Amino acid sequence: MTSYFDYTIGSHLLVSWWPGAGQDVRQQLLENFCWVEGTFTLPKALLKAIDKEVPAPGVEQFYEKDEVLPHSYYQWVCVVLFLQSLCFYITRALWKGWERGRIKNLMNDLNKVILKEEEKTGKRDSLVTQLVDSRGKNNAYAFRYFICEVVNFFNVIIQMVFINWFLGGEFSKYGINVFNYIDRDPNVSEDPMSRVFPKLTKCTFRQYGPSGDIKRFDNLCLLPQNILNEKLYIILWFWLYVLVIASGIMLFLKAVIIYCIDFIIWVNIQPKYFDTILSRCGYGDWFVLYLLGKNLDTMHYRDVIIELSKKLDELPTNRFEDEFDSSESKV
């Protein structure tokens, strides 16, 4: 008995079989053949009335000269989805290998809301000291995160291109076509889901007859897994487009921040602290503070920022100004 997994994920195909053909072609042979070689539908039958002109979209009497729409992806759907999930995990694994719990170590329990005053002050001062000592040394850390974002952006684009190739060039506009089809009359418009993921297809099996002539068997193939696949790839279409747009916007904003750090808006910091931190820190230092702001308690984070700005304000000049002045003196 075929399992639910077989029908829904894409590892089973049912082929119609009639008793009269039993002596020549066995049903299991037809199923195996159509599973390996793939099936097809006829574009000329996609717009015809179901139950009046055709039994199903794309299924009609086939002639050798007719244009066909091949479908051979269903053998690989589960494998492709698994590989895609691994590709999305690459950037996470890459960042985890580079990050190595640095932010977690810097947090020093300041993510907890309730702390004793002495404990809170000690942990805050320890964090501020580490931030001051590491000032100017965080650019490589931030650049690695930026690399992960770039990799993630191109990973989404590559996956969209690959899926489009995998589905025979039908994925790029699949979501738009489905959305437009909802508002149209199904009797006069082509169903994009039936075109890309048909539930009933055709398969032609040929073999030699007793006299050496080629005998052709025209079979109907049921693809029950496409009931799930058509919905799954609609979700994937919208989700991938959301990801590529959101990733593109984030990369643009990061590029602007890298080249113009004054663009940063710190909504939870007073202007005087904002000006001091920006004038004494680089992009890498801001990035570490940005990650801390996402993980620390809001009040603890505010105290850290205020104390850090005071510490930086006590410095006679920042190291970037020192390096710039020394380079000018050499010239």
Protein backbone atom coordinates (compact mmCIF):
# COMPACT_ATOMS: atom_id res chain seq x y z
CA MET A 1 0.00 0.00 0.00
CA THR A 2 1.38 3.40 -0.96
CA SER A 3 2.12 5.60 2.02
CA TYR A 4 0.94 9.18 2.54
CA PHE A 5 4.55 10.33 2.13
CA ASP A 6 4.70 8.72 -1.31
CA TYR A 7 1.63 10.54 -2.57
CA THR A 8 2.32 13.99 -1.16
CA ILE A 9 6.06 14.48 -1.48
CA GLY A 10 6.43 13.14 -4.98
CA SER A 11 7.70 9.58 -5.06
CA HIS A 12 4.75 7.76 -6.62
CA LEU A 13 2.87 7.75 -9.91
CA LEU A 14 -0.28 5.86 -10.88
CA VAL A 15 -0.86 4.80 -14.51
CA SER A 16 -4.19 3.77 -15.95
CA TRP A 17 -4.34 0.14 -17.08
CA TRP A 18 -6.99 -1.89 -18.87
CA PRO A 19 -7.40 -5.69 -18.80
CA GLY A 20 -7.06 -5.95 -22.57
CA ALA A 21 -3.51 -4.69 -22.36
CA GLY A 22 -2.48 -7.11 -19.66
CA GLN A 23 -1.02 -9.69 -22.02
CA ASP A 24 1.28 -7.16 -23.67
CA VAL A 25 2.14 -4.57 -21.02
CA ARG A 26 1.94 -4.99 -17.28
CA GLN A 27 0.75 -2.09 -15.13
CA GLN A 28 3.89 -2.09 -13.00
CA LEU A 29 6.02 -1.79 -16.12
CA LEU A 30 3.99 1.19 -17.31
CA GLU A 31 4.26 2.90 -13.93
CA ASN A 32 8.02 2.40 -13.78
CA PHE A 33 8.47 3.58 -17.37
CA CYS A 34 6.41 6.74 -16.96
CA TRP A 35 8.05 7.43 -13.61
CA VAL A 36 11.54 7.31 -15.12
CA GLU A 37 10.83 8.86 -18.53
CA GLY A 38 8.39 11.52 -17.34
CA THR A 39 4.91 12.45 -18.54
CA PHE A 40 3.46 15.27 -20.61
CA THR A 41 0.37 17.35 -21.27
CA LEU A 42 -0.84 19.05 -24.43
CA PRO A 43 -0.90 22.89 -24.46
CA LYS A 44 -3.69 22.85 -27.05
CA ALA A 45 -5.99 21.17 -24.50
CA LEU A 46 -5.37 23.55 -21.58
CA LEU A 47 -8.13 25.97 -22.58
CA LYS A 48 -10.76 23.42 -23.54
CA ALA A 49 -13.85 22.79 -21.42
CA ILE A 50 -13.42 20.00 -18.88
CA ASP A 51 -15.98 17.17 -19.07
CA LYS A 52 -17.19 18.50 -22.43
CA GLU A 53 -14.12 18.57 -24.66
CA VAL A 54 -11.37 17.06 -22.47
CA PRO A 55 -11.30 14.87 -19.31
CA ALA A 56 -8.70 17.10 -17.62
CA PRO A 57 -6.64 20.21 -18.47
CA GLY A 58 -3.98 19.31 -21.04
CA VAL A 59 -5.26 15.78 -21.68
CA GLU A 60 -6.63 14.99 -25.13
CA GLN A 61 -6.04 12.74 -28.13
CA PHE A 62 -2.35 12.92 -28.99
CA TYR A 63 -0.77 12.99 -32.43
CA GLU A 64 2.96 12.77 -33.07
CA LYS A 65 3.05 16.29 -34.55
CA ASP A 66 1.37 17.89 -31.49
CA GLU A 67 3.31 20.23 -29.20
CA VAL A 68 3.83 18.70 -25.77
CA LEU A 69 4.56 20.16 -22.34
CA PRO A 70 6.89 17.68 -20.58
CA HIS A 71 6.73 17.04 -16.81
CA SER A 72 9.66 15.16 -15.32
CA TYR A 73 10.35 17.21 -12.18
CA TYR A 74 8.15 15.19 -9.82
CA GLN A 75 10.83 12.53 -9.23
CA TRP A 76 13.10 15.16 -7.68
CA VAL A 77 10.80 17.48 -5.71
CA CYS A 78 11.64 16.05 -2.29
CA VAL A 79 15.39 15.98 -3.06
CA VAL A 80 15.40 19.55 -4.38
CA LEU A 81 13.50 20.88 -1.36
CA PHE A 82 15.95 19.16 0.97
CA LEU A 83 18.97 20.62 -0.85
CA GLN A 84 17.38 24.07 -0.82
CA SER A 85 16.92 23.90 2.93
CA LEU A 86 20.61 23.04 3.31
CA CYS A 87 21.56 26.02 1.13
CA PHE A 88 19.59 28.35 3.40
CA TYR A 89 21.44 26.93 6.39
CA ILE A 90 24.87 27.74 4.91
CA THR A 91 24.87 31.40 5.95
CA ARG A 92 23.73 30.55 9.48
CA ALA A 93 26.46 27.95 9.88
CA LEU A 94 29.02 30.37 8.40
CA TRP A 95 28.11 33.14 10.82
CA LYS A 96 27.98 30.81 13.82
CA GLY A 97 31.49 29.64 12.96
CA TRP A 98 32.76 33.21 12.74
CA GLU A 99 30.79 34.69 15.65
CA ARG A 100 31.66 31.98 18.21
CA GLY A 101 29.37 33.37 20.92
CA ARG A 102 31.05 36.78 21.12
CA ILE A 103 27.86 38.76 21.78
CA LYS A 104 26.71 36.19 24.33
CA ASN A 105 29.98 36.62 26.23
CA LEU A 106 29.73 40.42 26.08
CA MET A 107 26.15 40.41 27.39
CA ASN A 108 27.36 39.27 30.82
CA ASP A 109 23.77 38.66 32.11
CA LEU A 110 22.70 42.21 31.25
CA ASN A 111 19.86 40.70 29.23
CA LYS A 112 18.13 39.96 32.52
CA VAL A 113 15.64 42.59 33.67
CA ILE A 114 16.19 42.27 37.40
CA LEU A 115 19.73 42.52 38.80
CA LYS A 116 21.10 43.74 42.10
CA GLU A 117 22.46 47.28 41.92
CA GLU A 118 26.03 46.27 42.76
CA GLU A 119 25.93 43.38 40.30
CA LYS A 120 24.42 45.55 37.56
CA THR A 121 27.03 48.28 38.04
CA GLY A 122 29.92 45.83 37.98
CA LYS A 123 28.72 44.03 34.86
CA ARG A 124 27.97 47.33 33.11
CA ASP A 125 31.42 48.74 33.86
CA SER A 126 33.06 45.50 32.70
CA LEU A 127 31.17 45.64 29.40
CA VAL A 128 32.01 49.32 28.88
CA THR A 129 35.69 48.62 29.52
CA GLN A 130 35.70 45.82 26.93
CA LEU A 131 33.98 48.08 24.40
CA VAL A 132 36.50 50.88 24.94
CA ASP A 133 39.48 48.49 24.71
CA SER A 134 38.16 46.89 21.51
CA ARG A 135 37.42 50.22 19.84
CA GLY A 136 38.58 50.13 16.23
CA LYS A 137 39.12 46.36 16.24
CA ASN A 138 35.60 45.28 15.24
CA ASN A 139 35.65 46.04 11.52
CA ALA A 140 36.57 42.47 10.55
CA TYR A 141 33.73 41.17 12.74
CA ALA A 142 31.21 43.47 11.06
CA PHE A 143 32.59 42.75 7.59
CA ARG A 144 32.09 39.01 8.10
CA TYR A 145 28.45 39.60 8.94
CA PHE A 146 28.11 41.74 5.83
CA ILE A 147 29.60 38.88 3.79
CA CYS A 148 26.94 36.54 5.22
CA GLU A 149 24.21 38.98 4.18
CA VAL A 150 25.64 39.19 0.65
CA VAL A 151 25.85 35.40 0.45
CA ASN A 152 22.27 35.12 1.66
CA PHE A 153 21.09 37.63 -0.96
CA PHE A 154 22.75 35.81 -3.85
CA ASN A 155 21.66 32.45 -2.42
CA VAL A 156 18.01 33.53 -2.77
CA ILE A 157 18.56 34.78 -6.33
CA ILE A 158 20.35 31.58 -7.36
CA GLN A 159 17.60 29.45 -5.85
CA MET A 160 14.92 31.39 -7.73
CA VAL A 161 16.81 30.92 -11.00
CA PHE A 162 17.30 27.23 -10.25
CA ILE A 163 13.61 26.63 -9.43
CA ASN A 164 12.63 28.43 -12.60
CA TRP A 165 14.87 26.07 -14.58
CA PHE A 166 13.66 23.07 -12.58
CA LEU A 167 10.02 23.83 -13.45
CA GLY A 168 10.72 24.47 -17.12
CA GLY A 169 10.78 28.28 -16.95
CA GLU A 170 7.34 28.52 -15.32
CA PHE A 171 8.34 29.67 -11.82
CA SER A 172 9.40 33.27 -12.52
CA LYS A 173 5.78 34.43 -13.07
CA TYR A 174 4.00 31.57 -11.34
CA GLY A 175 2.68 33.58 -8.39
CA ILE A 176 1.54 36.49 -10.58
CA ASN A 177 -0.22 34.12 -12.98
CA VAL A 178 -2.02 32.34 -10.15
CA PHE A 179 -3.05 35.66 -8.60
CA ASN A 180 -4.39 36.94 -11.92
CA TYR A 181 -6.22 33.67 -12.61
CA ILE A 182 -8.31 34.08 -9.45
CA ASP A 183 -10.14 37.10 -10.92
CA ARG A 184 -10.70 35.55 -14.33
CA ASP A 185 -13.35 33.26 -15.74
CA PRO A 186 -11.90 29.70 -15.52
CA ASN A 187 -13.81 28.72 -18.66
CA VAL A 188 -11.91 31.16 -20.86
CA SER A 189 -8.52 31.39 -19.15
CA GLU A 190 -5.71 28.93 -18.60
CA ASP A 191 -5.14 27.64 -15.08
CA PRO A 192 -1.42 28.17 -14.34
CA MET A 193 -1.49 25.53 -11.61
CA SER A 194 -2.80 22.92 -14.03
CA ARG A 195 -0.18 23.94 -16.56
CA VAL A 196 2.79 23.65 -14.17
CA PHE A 197 1.45 20.99 -11.76
CA PRO A 198 -1.12 18.86 -13.62
CA LYS A 199 -2.88 16.12 -11.68
CA LEU A 200 -3.61 14.04 -14.77
CA THR A 201 -1.04 13.65 -17.55
CA LYS A 202 -0.24 11.42 -20.51
CA CYS A 203 2.53 8.92 -21.10
CA THR A 204 3.35 7.10 -24.32
CA PHE A 205 4.86 3.62 -24.11
CA ARG A 206 6.24 1.93 -27.26
CA GLN A 207 7.27 -1.67 -27.82
CA TYR A 208 7.81 -4.09 -30.70
CA GLY A 209 4.85 -6.19 -31.83
CA PRO A 210 4.99 -9.83 -33.04
CA SER A 211 5.83 -8.77 -36.62
CA GLY A 212 8.44 -6.21 -35.59
CA ASP A 213 6.20 -3.17 -35.92
CA ILE A 214 6.20 -0.60 -33.12
CA LYS A 215 3.06 -0.66 -30.99
CA ARG A 216 2.15 2.50 -29.07
CA PHE A 217 0.26 2.50 -25.77
CA ASP A 218 -1.24 5.83 -24.73
CA ASN A 219 -1.72 5.98 -20.95
CA LEU A 220 -3.18 8.36 -18.40
CA CYS A 221 -0.97 9.07 -15.39
CA LEU A 222 -2.27 10.33 -12.06
CA LEU A 223 0.05 12.65 -10.09
CA PRO A 224 -1.62 13.04 -6.67
CA GLN A 225 1.42 14.77 -5.15
CA ASN A 226 0.81 17.82 -7.35
CA ILE A 227 -2.18 18.72 -5.18
CA LEU A 228 0.40 19.67 -2.55
CA ASN A 229 3.15 20.84 -4.91
CA GLU A 230 1.03 23.54 -6.56
CA LYS A 231 0.29 25.16 -3.17
CA LEU A 232 3.80 24.64 -1.87
CA TYR A 233 5.42 26.45 -4.78
CA ILE A 234 2.98 29.36 -4.53
CA ILE A 235 4.18 29.87 -0.95
CA LEU A 236 7.79 29.50 -2.07
CA TRP A 237 7.29 32.04 -4.87
CA PHE A 238 5.97 34.75 -2.56
CA TRP A 239 8.43 33.93 0.22
CA LEU A 240 11.49 34.05 -2.05
CA TYR A 241 10.43 37.36 -3.58
CA VAL A 242 9.90 38.83 -0.09
CA LEU A 243 13.34 37.57 0.92
CA VAL A 244 15.14 38.98 -2.11
CA ILE A 245 13.47 42.39 -1.74
CA ALA A 246 14.08 42.58 2.02
CA SER A 247 17.69 41.39 1.63
CA GLY A 248 18.33 43.92 -1.14
CA ILE A 249 16.99 46.78 1.00
CA MET A 250 19.09 45.70 3.99
CA LEU A 251 22.24 45.49 1.87
CA PHE A 252 21.59 48.99 0.52
CA LEU A 253 21.10 50.40 4.02
CA LYS A 254 24.24 48.66 5.27
CA ALA A 255 26.24 50.09 2.37
CA VAL A 256 24.93 53.59 3.17
CA ILE A 257 25.82 53.16 6.85
CA ILE A 258 29.32 51.92 6.04
CA TYR A 259 30.08 54.94 3.84
CA CYS A 260 28.09 57.45 5.90
CA ILE A 261 27.89 56.43 9.55
CA ASP A 262 26.00 59.63 10.44
CA PHE A 263 23.01 58.05 8.70
CA ILE A 264 22.47 55.85 11.78
CA ILE A 265 19.46 56.85 13.88
CA TRP A 266 19.61 55.77 17.53
CA VAL A 267 16.07 56.26 18.71
CA ASN A 268 16.79 55.31 22.32
CA ILE A 269 19.84 57.53 22.84
CA GLN A 270 19.90 61.24 23.57
CA PRO A 271 21.59 63.42 20.91
CA LYS A 272 24.64 64.23 23.04
CA TYR A 273 25.46 60.54 23.55
CA PHE A 274 24.70 59.87 19.91
CA ASP A 275 27.17 62.51 18.70
CA THR A 276 29.93 61.36 21.05
CA ILE A 277 29.71 57.70 20.08
CA LEU A 278 29.57 58.38 16.35
CA SER A 279 32.55 60.73 16.48
CA ARG A 280 34.72 58.27 18.40
CA CYS A 281 33.70 54.91 16.87
CA GLY A 282 33.80 53.27 13.48
CA TYR A 283 31.28 51.09 11.70
CA GLY A 284 32.52 47.89 13.33
CA ASP A 285 32.11 49.38 16.81
CA TRP A 286 28.61 50.57 15.96
CA PHE A 287 27.72 47.11 14.68
CA VAL A 288 28.72 45.47 17.96
CA LEU A 289 26.61 48.03 19.85
CA TYR A 290 23.75 47.39 17.45
CA LEU A 291 23.82 43.64 18.21
CA LEU A 292 24.06 44.33 21.92
CA GLY A 293 21.02 46.57 21.65
CA LYS A 294 19.02 43.65 20.23
CA ASN A 295 20.03 41.34 23.08
CA LEU A 296 20.38 43.48 26.23
CA ASP A 297 17.56 44.71 28.42
CA THR A 298 16.49 48.17 27.25
CA MET A 299 17.34 49.98 30.49
CA HIS A 300 20.66 48.18 30.91
CA TYR A 301 21.54 48.98 27.31
CA ARG A 302 20.76 52.65 27.83
CA ASP A 303 23.00 52.75 30.90
CA VAL A 304 25.80 51.07 28.94
CA ILE A 305 25.51 53.64 26.14
CA ILE A 306 25.53 56.57 28.54
CA GLU A 307 28.53 55.22 30.43
CA LEU A 308 30.34 54.40 27.19
CA SER A 309 29.83 57.91 25.85
CA LYS A 310 31.29 59.33 29.07
CA LYS A 311 34.33 57.08 28.83
CA LEU A 312 34.90 58.00 25.19
CA ASP A 313 34.45 61.69 25.97
CA GLU A 314 37.25 61.46 28.53
CA LEU A 315 39.69 60.31 25.87
CA PRO A 316 41.84 63.18 24.50
CA THR A 317 41.33 62.03 20.91
CA ASN A 318 40.19 58.86 19.20
CA ARG A 319 42.62 56.44 17.60
CA PHE A 320 41.32 57.21 14.13
CA GLU A 321 42.34 60.84 14.57
CA ASP A 322 45.72 59.73 15.96
CA GLU A 323 46.36 57.51 12.98
CA PHE A 324 45.28 60.23 10.58
CA ASP A 325 47.51 62.85 12.24
CA SER A 326 50.52 60.51 12.27
CA SER A 327 50.05 59.68 8.60
CA GLU A 328 49.90 63.38 7.74
CA SER A 329 53.10 64.11 9.71
CA LYS A 330 54.95 61.41 7.78
CA VAL A 331 53.90 63.01 4.51
